[in-house]
Amino acid sequence: MSETHLRRARVDKPMIVSSMNGALDVLRPGEYYVEDAGMTMRLHQDAASALAIAEVKVQAFDALLTQRQVVFLSWS
């Protein structure tokens, strides 16, 4: 992965998100690495992974943050 800024986030409950191919998928509880990709937020399984496992529109991601379904663990 190139020099992409990733922030660590935690998901406490399963939630439905859109996958990279546009299908809906269930994001399991756990820690993920979040990449700001402009119009979407990409979720990676680990910091070294070049392939995102899910992609969520920024507005939908903001709603998840507001509802505390996603919590950032790092800001750097």
C-alpha atoms as a PDB file:
ATOM      1  CA  MET A   1       0.000   0.000   0.000  1.00  0.00           C
ATOM      2  CA  SER A   2       1.326   3.445  -0.797  1.00  0.00           C
ATOM      3  CA  GLU A   3       1.666   6.193   1.773  1.00  0.00           C
ATOM      4  CA  THR A   4      -2.003   6.171   2.737  1.00  0.00           C
ATOM      5  CA  HIS A   5      -3.159   7.617   6.023  1.00  0.00           C
ATOM      6  CA  LEU A   6      -5.049   4.913   7.946  1.00  0.00           C
ATOM      7  CA  ARG A   7      -6.825   5.322  11.253  1.00  0.00           C
ATOM      8  CA  ARG A   8      -7.678   2.419  13.488  1.00  0.00           C
ATOM      9  CA  ALA A   9     -11.382   1.994  14.326  1.00  0.00           C
ATOM     10  CA  ARG A  10     -13.492  -0.440  16.293  1.00  0.00           C
ATOM     11  CA  VAL A  11     -16.866  -1.925  15.392  1.00  0.00           C
ATOM     12  CA  ASP A  12     -18.805  -3.358  18.361  1.00  0.00           C
ATOM     13  CA  LYS A  13     -21.868  -4.790  16.601  1.00  0.00           C
ATOM     14  CA  PRO A  14     -22.327  -6.406  13.198  1.00  0.00           C
ATOM     15  CA  MET A  15     -23.474  -3.882  10.609  1.00  0.00           C
ATOM     16  CA  ILE A  16     -24.392  -3.912   6.953  1.00  0.00           C
ATOM     17  CA  VAL A  17     -22.056  -2.014   4.614  1.00  0.00           C
ATOM     18  CA  SER A  18     -21.451  -1.974   0.885  1.00  0.00           C
ATOM     19  CA  SER A  19     -18.527  -4.047  -0.329  1.00  0.00           C
ATOM     20  CA  MET A  20     -16.006  -3.045  -2.987  1.00  0.00           C
ATOM     21  CA  ASN A  21     -18.165  -4.620  -5.724  1.00  0.00           C
ATOM     22  CA  GLY A  22     -21.312  -2.747  -4.628  1.00  0.00           C
ATOM     23  CA  ALA A  23     -22.969  -5.684  -2.873  1.00  0.00           C
ATOM     24  CA  LEU A  24     -24.150  -5.424   0.715  1.00  0.00           C
ATOM     25  CA  ASP A  25     -22.055  -7.266   3.269  1.00  0.00           C
ATOM     26  CA  VAL A  26     -21.952  -7.702   7.042  1.00  0.00           C
ATOM     27  CA  LEU A  27     -19.009  -6.067   8.789  1.00  0.00           C
ATOM     28  CA  ARG A  28     -18.172  -8.208  11.811  1.00  0.00           C
ATOM     29  CA  PRO A  29     -17.230  -6.748  15.198  1.00  0.00           C
ATOM     30  CA  GLY A  30     -13.525  -6.065  15.576  1.00  0.00           C
ATOM     31  CA  GLU A  31     -10.819  -3.579  14.690  1.00  0.00           C
ATOM     32  CA  TYR A  32     -10.324  -2.197  11.201  1.00  0.00           C
ATOM     33  CA  TYR A  33      -8.116   0.350   9.487  1.00  0.00           C
ATOM     34  CA  VAL A  34      -9.998   3.188   7.810  1.00  0.00           C
ATOM     35  CA  GLU A  35      -8.816   4.995   4.680  1.00  0.00           C
ATOM     36  CA  ASP A  36     -10.403   8.275   3.570  1.00  0.00           C
ATOM     37  CA  ALA A  37     -10.849   7.792  -0.186  1.00  0.00           C
ATOM     38  CA  GLY A  38     -12.653  11.044  -0.975  1.00  0.00           C
ATOM     39  CA  MET A  39     -16.298  10.093  -1.541  1.00  0.00           C
ATOM     40  CA  THR A  40     -15.977   6.859   0.454  1.00  0.00           C
ATOM     41  CA  MET A  41     -14.288   5.423   3.499  1.00  0.00           C
ATOM     42  CA  ARG A  42     -12.460   2.148   2.833  1.00  0.00           C
ATOM     43  CA  LEU A  43     -12.110  -0.404   5.607  1.00  0.00           C
ATOM     44  CA  HIS A  44      -9.041  -2.656   5.679  1.00  0.00           C
ATOM     45  CA  GLN A  45      -8.509  -5.786   7.761  1.00  0.00           C
ATOM     46  CA  ASP A  46      -4.977  -4.657   8.714  1.00  0.00           C
ATOM     47  CA  ALA A  47      -2.660  -1.720   8.105  1.00  0.00           C
ATOM     48  CA  ALA A  48      -0.579  -3.581   5.498  1.00  0.00           C
ATOM     49  CA  SER A  49      -3.530  -4.735   3.389  1.00  0.00           C
ATOM     50  CA  ALA A  50      -3.719  -3.084  -0.026  1.00  0.00           C
ATOM     51  CA  LEU A  51      -7.230  -4.408  -0.675  1.00  0.00           C
ATOM     52  CA  ALA A  52     -10.125  -2.926   1.261  1.00  0.00           C
ATOM     53  CA  ILE A  53     -12.747  -5.366   2.527  1.00  0.00           C
ATOM     54  CA  ALA A  54     -15.559  -2.782   2.521  1.00  0.00           C
ATOM     55  CA  GLU A  55     -16.268   0.690   1.246  1.00  0.00           C
ATOM     56  CA  VAL A  56     -18.835   3.007   2.829  1.00  0.00           C
ATOM     57  CA  LYS A  57     -20.080   6.361   1.519  1.00  0.00           C
ATOM     58  CA  VAL A  58     -18.830   9.249   3.663  1.00  0.00           C
ATOM     59  CA  GLN A  59     -22.363  10.290   4.688  1.00  0.00           C
ATOM     60  CA  ALA A  60     -23.197   6.750   5.804  1.00  0.00           C
ATOM     61  CA  PHE A  61     -19.879   6.458   7.652  1.00  0.00           C
ATOM     62  CA  ASP A  62     -20.537   9.767   9.429  1.00  0.00           C
ATOM     63  CA  ALA A  63     -23.916   8.404  10.544  1.00  0.00           C
ATOM     64  CA  LEU A  64     -22.190   5.301  11.956  1.00  0.00           C
ATOM     65  CA  LEU A  65     -19.801   7.556  13.887  1.00  0.00           C
ATOM     66  CA  THR A  66     -22.665   9.700  15.202  1.00  0.00           C
ATOM     67  CA  GLN A  67     -24.535   6.597  16.352  1.00  0.00           C
ATOM     68  CA  ARG A  68     -21.282   5.284  17.882  1.00  0.00           C
ATOM     69  CA  GLN A  69     -21.439   2.101  15.832  1.00  0.00           C
ATOM     70  CA  VAL A  70     -17.893   2.910  14.699  1.00  0.00           C
ATOM     71  CA  VAL A  71     -15.389   4.405  17.146  1.00  0.00           C
ATOM     72  CA  PHE A  72     -11.964   5.693  16.142  1.00  0.00           C
ATOM     73  CA  LEU A  73      -9.106   4.358  18.277  1.00  0.00           C
ATOM     74  CA  SER A  74      -6.309   6.375  16.665  1.00  0.00           C
ATOM     75  CA  TRP A  75      -6.046   9.791  15.046  1.00  0.00           C
ATOM     76  CA  SER A  76      -2.516   9.723  13.618  1.00  0.00           C
END
